[in-house]
C-alpha atoms as a PDB file:
ATOM      1  CA  MET A   1     -13.449 -11.184  18.160  1.00  0.00           C
ATOM      2  CA  ALA A   2     -10.499 -10.456  15.920  1.00  0.00           C
ATOM      3  CA  GLU A   3      -7.644 -12.987  15.320  1.00  0.00           C
ATOM      4  CA  THR A   4      -4.158 -11.950  16.255  1.00  0.00           C
ATOM      5  CA  TRP A   5      -1.516 -12.216  13.512  1.00  0.00           C
ATOM      6  CA  THR A   6       2.107 -11.806  14.432  1.00  0.00           C
ATOM      7  CA  ILE A   7       4.684  -9.899  12.224  1.00  0.00           C
ATOM      8  CA  TRP A   8       8.182 -11.527  12.206  1.00  0.00           C
ATOM      9  CA  ASP A   9      10.262  -9.813   9.598  1.00  0.00           C
ATOM     10  CA  ALA A  10      10.387  -7.393   6.605  1.00  0.00           C
ATOM     11  CA  GLU A  11      12.610  -8.091   3.651  1.00  0.00           C
ATOM     12  CA  LEU A  12      13.368  -5.827   0.689  1.00  0.00           C
ATOM     13  CA  GLY A  13      13.404  -7.329  -2.905  1.00  0.00           C
ATOM     14  CA  TYR A  14      12.622  -5.968  -6.552  1.00  0.00           C
ATOM     15  CA  SER A  15      10.560  -6.488  -9.510  1.00  0.00           C
ATOM     16  CA  THR A  16      11.869  -8.142 -12.706  1.00  0.00           C
ATOM     17  CA  THR A  17      14.671  -6.103 -14.349  1.00  0.00           C
ATOM     18  CA  SER A  18      16.377  -6.205 -17.672  1.00  0.00           C
ATOM     19  CA  LEU A  19      19.419  -4.200 -16.384  1.00  0.00           C
ATOM     20  CA  LEU A  20      21.662  -7.319 -15.959  1.00  0.00           C
ATOM     21  CA  GLN A  21      21.440 -10.114 -18.516  1.00  0.00           C
ATOM     22  CA  ALA A  22      22.237 -13.758 -17.866  1.00  0.00           C
ATOM     23  CA  GLY A  23      25.659 -14.307 -16.501  1.00  0.00           C
ATOM     24  CA  GLY A  24      25.830 -10.712 -15.159  1.00  0.00           C
ATOM     25  CA  GLU A  25      26.609  -9.123 -18.449  1.00  0.00           C
ATOM     26  CA  GLN A  26      25.544  -5.472 -18.752  1.00  0.00           C
ATOM     27  CA  ALA A  27      22.505  -4.987 -20.842  1.00  0.00           C
ATOM     28  CA  SER A  28      22.905  -2.700 -23.915  1.00  0.00           C
ATOM     29  CA  ARG A  29      19.700  -0.860 -23.362  1.00  0.00           C
ATOM     30  CA  THR A  30      18.002  -0.071 -20.078  1.00  0.00           C
ATOM     31  CA  GLU A  31      14.918   1.776 -21.207  1.00  0.00           C
ATOM     32  CA  HIS A  32      12.485  -0.954 -19.786  1.00  0.00           C
ATOM     33  CA  ASP A  33      14.504  -1.590 -16.582  1.00  0.00           C
ATOM     34  CA  GLY A  34      12.201  -2.483 -13.656  1.00  0.00           C
ATOM     35  CA  ALA A  35      13.479  -3.227 -10.234  1.00  0.00           C
ATOM     36  CA  GLU A  36      10.780  -1.556  -8.341  1.00  0.00           C
ATOM     37  CA  PRO A  37      11.253  -1.965  -4.611  1.00  0.00           C
ATOM     38  CA  ILE A  38       9.084  -4.734  -3.158  1.00  0.00           C
ATOM     39  CA  TRP A  39       8.614  -5.537   0.483  1.00  0.00           C
ATOM     40  CA  GLY A  40       7.967  -8.954   1.720  1.00  0.00           C
ATOM     41  CA  ILE A  41       6.466  -9.017   5.251  1.00  0.00           C
ATOM     42  CA  SER A  42       6.470 -12.193   7.114  1.00  0.00           C
ATOM     43  CA  ARG A  43       3.416 -12.876   9.192  1.00  0.00           C
ATOM     44  CA  VAL A  44       2.058 -15.888  11.123  1.00  0.00           C
ATOM     45  CA  GLY A  45      -1.627 -16.593  11.580  1.00  0.00           C
ATOM     46  CA  PRO A  46      -3.296 -18.081  14.598  1.00  0.00           C
ATOM     47  CA  ASP A  47      -2.968 -21.486  13.186  1.00  0.00           C
ATOM     48  CA  GLY A  48       0.749 -21.197  13.098  1.00  0.00           C
ATOM     49  CA  THR A  49       0.932 -20.989   9.222  1.00  0.00           C
ATOM     50  CA  ALA A  50       3.533 -18.437   7.992  1.00  0.00           C
ATOM     51  CA  ARG A  51       2.564 -16.188   5.053  1.00  0.00           C
ATOM     52  CA  MET A  52       4.318 -13.601   3.192  1.00  0.00           C
ATOM     53  CA  HIS A  53       2.588 -10.275   2.358  1.00  0.00           C
ATOM     54  CA  ILE A  54       4.081  -8.668  -0.766  1.00  0.00           C
ATOM     55  CA  ILE A  55       3.863  -4.980  -1.009  1.00  0.00           C
ATOM     56  CA  PRO A  56       5.177  -3.074  -3.931  1.00  0.00           C
ATOM     57  CA  HIS A  57       6.776   0.311  -3.202  1.00  0.00           C
ATOM     58  CA  SER A  58       4.089   1.851  -5.438  1.00  0.00           C
ATOM     59  CA  THR A  59       1.429   0.818  -3.026  1.00  0.00           C
ATOM     60  CA  TRP A  60       2.512   3.484  -0.684  1.00  0.00           C
ATOM     61  CA  GLU A  61       2.379   6.125  -3.326  1.00  0.00           C
ATOM     62  CA  TRP A  62      -1.098   5.169  -4.234  1.00  0.00           C
ATOM     63  CA  ARG A  63      -2.407   5.265  -0.731  1.00  0.00           C
ATOM     64  CA  CYS A  64      -0.973   8.877  -0.243  1.00  0.00           C
ATOM     65  CA  ALA A  65      -2.635   9.867  -3.474  1.00  0.00           C
ATOM     66  CA  GLU A  66      -5.947   8.291  -2.770  1.00  0.00           C
ATOM     67  CA  TYR A  67      -6.367   9.433   1.001  1.00  0.00           C
ATOM     68  CA  GLY A  68      -4.012  12.423   1.266  1.00  0.00           C
ATOM     69  CA  ILE A  69      -1.634  10.758   3.648  1.00  0.00           C
ATOM     70  CA  ASP A  70       1.626  12.528   4.459  1.00  0.00           C
ATOM     71  CA  PRO A  71       4.421  10.671   2.361  1.00  0.00           C
ATOM     72  CA  ASP A  72       6.544  10.638   5.560  1.00  0.00           C
ATOM     73  CA  ASP A  73       3.842   9.007   7.744  1.00  0.00           C
ATOM     74  CA  THR A  74       5.045   5.371   7.339  1.00  0.00           C
ATOM     75  CA  THR A  75       3.362   4.339  10.523  1.00  0.00           C
ATOM     76  CA  THR A  76      -0.042   5.208   9.022  1.00  0.00           C
ATOM     77  CA  LEU A  77       0.751   3.660   5.722  1.00  0.00           C
ATOM     78  CA  LEU A  78       1.886   0.424   7.182  1.00  0.00           C
ATOM     79  CA  ASP A  79      -1.278   0.191   9.447  1.00  0.00           C
ATOM     80  CA  ILE A  80      -3.467   0.719   6.633  1.00  0.00           C
ATOM     81  CA  VAL A  81      -1.744  -1.572   4.066  1.00  0.00           C
ATOM     82  CA  LEU A  82      -1.218  -4.478   6.552  1.00  0.00           C
ATOM     83  CA  HIS A  83      -4.889  -4.661   7.447  1.00  0.00           C
ATOM     84  CA  GLU A  84      -6.557  -3.749   4.194  1.00  0.00           C
ATOM     85  CA  PRO A  85      -6.636  -7.306   2.716  1.00  0.00           C
ATOM     86  CA  TRP A  86      -9.441  -7.977   5.343  1.00  0.00           C
ATOM     87  CA  ILE A  87     -11.742  -5.139   4.209  1.00  0.00           C
ATOM     88  CA  PRO A  88     -14.707  -7.076   2.692  1.00  0.00           C
ATOM     89  CA  SER A  89     -16.365  -5.956  -0.452  1.00  0.00           C
ATOM     90  CA  PRO A  90     -19.976  -4.949  -0.007  1.00  0.00           C
ATOM     91  CA  ASN A  91     -20.596  -6.553  -3.363  1.00  0.00           C
ATOM     92  CA  ASP A  92     -19.263  -9.870  -2.303  1.00  0.00           C
ATOM     93  CA  ALA A  93     -22.496 -12.025  -1.213  1.00  0.00           C
ATOM     94  CA  MET A  94     -20.216 -14.587   0.491  1.00  0.00           C
ATOM     95  CA  ALA A  95     -18.335 -11.957   2.654  1.00  0.00           C
ATOM     96  CA  ARG A  96     -21.197 -12.204   5.095  1.00  0.00           C
ATOM     97  CA  PHE A  97     -20.350 -15.741   5.847  1.00  0.00           C
ATOM     98  CA  GLN A  98     -16.759 -14.970   6.757  1.00  0.00           C
ATOM     99  CA  PRO A  99     -15.804 -14.504  10.476  1.00  0.00           C
ATOM    100  CA  GLY A 100     -16.246 -10.851  11.414  1.00  0.00           C
ATOM    101  CA  ALA A 101     -16.980  -9.610   7.703  1.00  0.00           C
ATOM    102  CA  ALA A 102     -20.520  -8.889   8.473  1.00  0.00           C
ATOM    103  CA  GLU A 103     -19.694  -6.671  11.449  1.00  0.00           C
ATOM    104  CA  VAL A 104     -17.061  -4.807   9.310  1.00  0.00           C
ATOM    105  CA  LEU A 105     -19.596  -4.163   6.544  1.00  0.00           C
ATOM    106  CA  ARG A 106     -22.212  -2.982   9.187  1.00  0.00           C
ATOM    107  CA  ASP A 107     -19.656  -0.678  10.955  1.00  0.00           C
ATOM    108  CA  THR A 108     -18.481   0.945   7.606  1.00  0.00           C
ATOM    109  CA  HIS A 109     -21.779   1.024   5.628  1.00  0.00           C
ATOM    110  CA  GLY A 110     -22.127   4.320   3.726  1.00  0.00           C
ATOM    111  CA  LEU A 111     -18.451   5.561   4.346  1.00  0.00           C
ATOM    112  CA  PRO A 112     -16.967   7.485   1.338  1.00  0.00           C
ATOM    113  CA  THR A 113     -13.992   5.898  -0.381  1.00  0.00           C
ATOM    114  CA  CYS A 114     -11.215   7.451  -2.316  1.00  0.00           C
ATOM    115  CA  TRP A 115     -13.540   7.323  -5.476  1.00  0.00           C
ATOM    116  CA  THR A 116     -16.516   9.366  -3.873  1.00  0.00           C
ATOM    117  CA  PRO A 117     -16.649  12.650  -5.528  1.00  0.00           C
ATOM    118  CA  GLY A 118     -17.004  15.896  -3.519  1.00  0.00           C
ATOM    119  CA  VAL A 119     -15.232  14.551  -0.346  1.00  0.00           C
ATOM    120  CA  SER A 120     -12.181  16.221   1.284  1.00  0.00           C
ATOM    121  CA  ASP A 121      -9.005  14.077   1.755  1.00  0.00           C
ATOM    122  CA  VAL A 122      -9.477  14.554   5.524  1.00  0.00           C
ATOM    123  CA  ASP A 123     -12.722  12.864   5.497  1.00  0.00           C
ATOM    124  CA  ARG A 124     -11.753  10.165   3.028  1.00  0.00           C
ATOM    125  CA  LEU A 125      -8.742   9.267   5.293  1.00  0.00           C
ATOM    126  CA  ALA A 126     -10.911   9.331   8.460  1.00  0.00           C
ATOM    127  CA  ALA A 127     -13.372   6.861   6.668  1.00  0.00           C
ATOM    128  CA  HIS A 128     -10.672   4.640   5.749  1.00  0.00           C
ATOM    129  CA  ARG A 129      -9.097   4.533   9.204  1.00  0.00           C
ATOM    130  CA  VAL A 130     -12.666   3.588  10.375  1.00  0.00           C
ATOM    131  CA  ARG A 131     -12.570   0.563   8.089  1.00  0.00           C
ATOM    132  CA  ILE A 132      -9.032  -0.379   9.387  1.00  0.00           C
ATOM    133  CA  GLU A 133     -10.283  -0.173  13.017  1.00  0.00           C
ATOM    134  CA  ALA A 134     -13.225  -2.214  12.187  1.00  0.00           C
ATOM    135  CA  VAL A 135     -11.109  -4.991  10.633  1.00  0.00           C
ATOM    136  CA  LYS A 136      -8.777  -4.870  13.812  1.00  0.00           C
ATOM    137  CA  THR A 137     -11.802  -5.004  16.013  1.00  0.00           C
ATOM    138  CA  HIS A 138     -13.703  -7.847  14.194  1.00  0.00           C
ATOM    139  CA  ARG A 139     -11.262  -9.778  11.983  1.00  0.00           C
ATOM    140  CA  VAL A 140      -7.539  -9.419  12.181  1.00  0.00           C
ATOM    141  CA  ARG A 141      -5.119  -7.349  14.219  1.00  0.00           C
ATOM    142  CA  MET A 142      -1.437  -7.320  13.305  1.00  0.00           C
ATOM    143  CA  VAL A 143       1.113  -7.223  16.179  1.00  0.00           C
ATOM    144  CA  ALA A 144       4.851  -7.666  16.385  1.00  0.00           C
ATOM    145  CA  GLU A 145       5.987 -10.951  17.522  1.00  0.00           C
ATOM    146  CA  ASP A 146       7.992 -10.739  20.768  1.00  0.00           C
ATOM    147  CA  ARG A 147      11.661 -10.004  19.894  1.00  0.00           C
ATOM    148  CA  GLN A 148      13.139 -12.747  22.015  1.00  0.00           C
ATOM    149  CA  VAL A 149      10.942 -15.401  20.339  1.00  0.00           C
ATOM    150  CA  ARG A 150      12.154 -14.051  16.958  1.00  0.00           C
ATOM    151  CA  GLN A 151      15.759 -14.042  18.185  1.00  0.00           C
ATOM    152  CA  ASP A 152      15.418 -17.447  19.404  1.00  0.00           C
ATOM    153  CA  VAL A 153      14.060 -18.852  16.109  1.00  0.00           C
ATOM    154  CA  MET A 154      16.884 -17.087  14.270  1.00  0.00           C
ATOM    155  CA  ALA A 155      19.404 -18.831  16.443  1.00  0.00           C
ATOM    156  CA  TYR A 156      17.760 -22.165  16.068  1.00  0.00           C
ATOM    157  CA  VAL A 157      17.872 -22.065  12.253  1.00  0.00           C
ATOM    158  CA  GLY A 158      21.442 -20.823  12.265  1.00  0.00           C
ATOM    159  CA  ILE A 159      20.894 -17.067  11.205  1.00  0.00           C
ATOM    160  CA  ASN A 160      23.672 -15.027  12.733  1.00  0.00           C
ATOM    161  CA  ALA A 161      21.865 -11.757  12.961  1.00  0.00           C
ATOM    162  CA  VAL A 162      20.228  -9.442  15.692  1.00  0.00           C
ATOM    163  CA  ALA A 163      16.468  -9.346  15.537  1.00  0.00           C
ATOM    164  CA  PRO A 164      15.270  -5.750  15.643  1.00  0.00           C
ATOM    165  CA  GLU A 165      12.940  -4.562  18.335  1.00  0.00           C
ATOM    166  CA  ASP A 166      10.455  -3.693  15.711  1.00  0.00           C
ATOM    167  CA  PRO A 167      10.275  -6.352  12.784  1.00  0.00           C
ATOM    168  CA  LEU A 168       8.909  -3.431  10.465  1.00  0.00           C
ATOM    169  CA  GLU A 169      11.988  -1.336  11.180  1.00  0.00           C
ATOM    170  CA  PRO A 170      13.536  -1.940   7.810  1.00  0.00           C
ATOM    171  CA  VAL A 171      10.519  -0.584   6.139  1.00  0.00           C
ATOM    172  CA  LYS A 172      10.429   2.461   8.374  1.00  0.00           C
ATOM    173  CA  ALA A 173      13.998   3.067   7.835  1.00  0.00           C
ATOM    174  CA  LEU A 174      14.384   2.637   4.095  1.00  0.00           C
ATOM    175  CA  THR A 175      10.939   3.724   2.689  1.00  0.00           C
ATOM    176  CA  ARG A 176      11.260   7.228   1.037  1.00  0.00           C
ATOM    177  CA  LEU A 177       8.504   8.370  -1.356  1.00  0.00           C
ATOM    178  CA  ASP A 178       9.230  10.730  -4.236  1.00  0.00           C
ATOM    179  CA  PRO A 179       6.690  13.577  -3.913  1.00  0.00           C
ATOM    180  CA  ALA A 180       6.690  13.982  -7.850  1.00  0.00           C
ATOM    181  CA  ARG A 181       5.530  10.420  -8.169  1.00  0.00           C
ATOM    182  CA  VAL A 182       2.840  10.816  -5.298  1.00  0.00           C
ATOM    183  CA  GLU A 183       1.557  13.950  -7.022  1.00  0.00           C
ATOM    184  CA  ALA A 184       1.429  12.317 -10.395  1.00  0.00           C
ATOM    185  CA  ARG A 185      -0.688   9.369  -8.862  1.00  0.00           C
ATOM    186  CA  ARG A 186      -2.901  12.062  -7.081  1.00  0.00           C
ATOM    187  CA  LEU A 187      -3.611  13.616 -10.356  1.00  0.00           C
ATOM    188  CA  ALA A 188      -4.542  10.265 -11.918  1.00  0.00           C
ATOM    189  CA  VAL A 189      -6.776   9.439  -8.972  1.00  0.00           C
ATOM    190  CA  ALA A 190      -8.498  12.853  -8.954  1.00  0.00           C
ATOM    191  CA  TRP A 191      -9.207  12.608 -12.736  1.00  0.00           C
ATOM    192  CA  TYR A 192     -10.766   9.215 -12.602  1.00  0.00           C
ATOM    193  CA  ARG A 193     -12.828   9.929  -9.477  1.00  0.00           C
ATOM    194  CA  ASP A 194     -14.111  13.488 -10.492  1.00  0.00           C
ATOM    195  CA  ASN A 195     -14.866  12.292 -14.039  1.00  0.00           C
ATOM    196  CA  GLN A 196     -17.439   9.749 -12.585  1.00  0.00           C
ATOM    197  CA  GLN A 197     -19.781  12.615 -11.506  1.00  0.00           C
ATOM    198  CA  ILE A 198     -19.696  14.976 -14.451  1.00  0.00           C
ATOM    199  CA  PRO A 199     -17.535  15.169 -17.586  1.00  0.00           C
ATOM    200  CA  ILE A 200     -14.463  17.070 -16.453  1.00  0.00           C
ATOM    201  CA  VAL A 201     -13.045  19.878 -18.622  1.00  0.00           C
ATOM    202  CA  PRO A 202      -9.122  19.376 -18.779  1.00  0.00           C
ATOM    203  CA  SER A 203      -7.280  22.141 -17.074  1.00  0.00           C
ATOM    204  CA  TYR A 204      -3.720  22.805 -15.815  1.00  0.00           C
ATOM    205  CA  GLN A 205      -4.834  21.238 -12.495  1.00  0.00           C
ATOM    206  CA  ALA A 206      -7.098  18.509 -13.734  1.00  0.00           C
ATOM    207  CA  LYS A 207      -5.814  16.507 -16.779  1.00  0.00           C
ATOM    208  CA  PRO A 208      -6.277  13.064 -18.467  1.00  0.00           C
ATOM    209  CA  PRO A 209      -3.437  10.586 -18.190  1.00  0.00           C
ATOM    210  CA  ALA A 210      -0.167  11.667 -20.155  1.00  0.00           C
ATOM    211  CA  THR A 211      -1.439  14.959 -20.879  1.00  0.00           C
ATOM    212  CA  TRP A 212       0.463  18.204 -20.609  1.00  0.00           C
ATOM    213  CA  MET A 213      -1.846  21.205 -20.709  1.00  0.00           C
ATOM    214  CA  GLY A 214       0.761  23.874 -20.629  1.00  0.00           C
ATOM    215  CA  ARG A 215       0.473  27.549 -19.653  1.00  0.00           C
ATOM    216  CA  LYS A 216       0.525  28.277 -23.417  1.00  0.00           C
ATOM    217  CA  PRO A 217      -0.127  26.161 -26.505  1.00  0.00           C
ATOM    218  CA  TRP A 218       3.577  25.556 -27.015  1.00  0.00           C
ATOM    219  CA  GLY A 219       4.456  22.763 -29.550  1.00  0.00           C
ATOM    220  CA  VAL A 220       6.037  19.481 -28.068  1.00  0.00           C
ATOM    221  CA  ALA A 221       9.327  18.428 -29.345  1.00  0.00           C
ATOM    222  CA  SER A 222      10.336  14.857 -28.755  1.00  0.00           C
ATOM    223  CA  GLY A 223      13.922  13.781 -28.790  1.00  0.00           C
END
């Protein structure tokens, strides 16, 4: 029987950045500026303990690259990423002693992963959705906390704001994925995955990291 965890809020933050120095002075060089968007999703377990799930923006890009998910399908991306922490590793001997983990391992045994060569994106995504559904059946299911409950708690602690109907609305409204970044990650995943089976000959479509094959052997000028 899966536990029910409730989602309360989603808040946007960002990674370490050198853009602004101490005191707000503008940095002279910004080549190493970070500020990657990072989502913090507040969730409460059945024991009443509040926890924060930290999700870097790049996580959405990687899942699109690994499973061929439409970059605009935020609903699928959220459903997968929110439940993935409870997918047990088949190599973890102790996982079988965790509530529901043995059932998840049984229901998903033999399914392909994003690293299985020779499998289509459609089949990889279908297999991963089976893992997520097994988690929601046997371990943890994420649901939105009742809006009025969230609104009452905000009023109690003095937060003058209106709770959205969907606590994940900020993620769905603000998340936009760059197709070039998604494609770059797809190329990286494909190279590492396919190279496990046989040595891959680099080509315009298949290339190692930081490699430009080119249509012709042009020289590369740096500047």
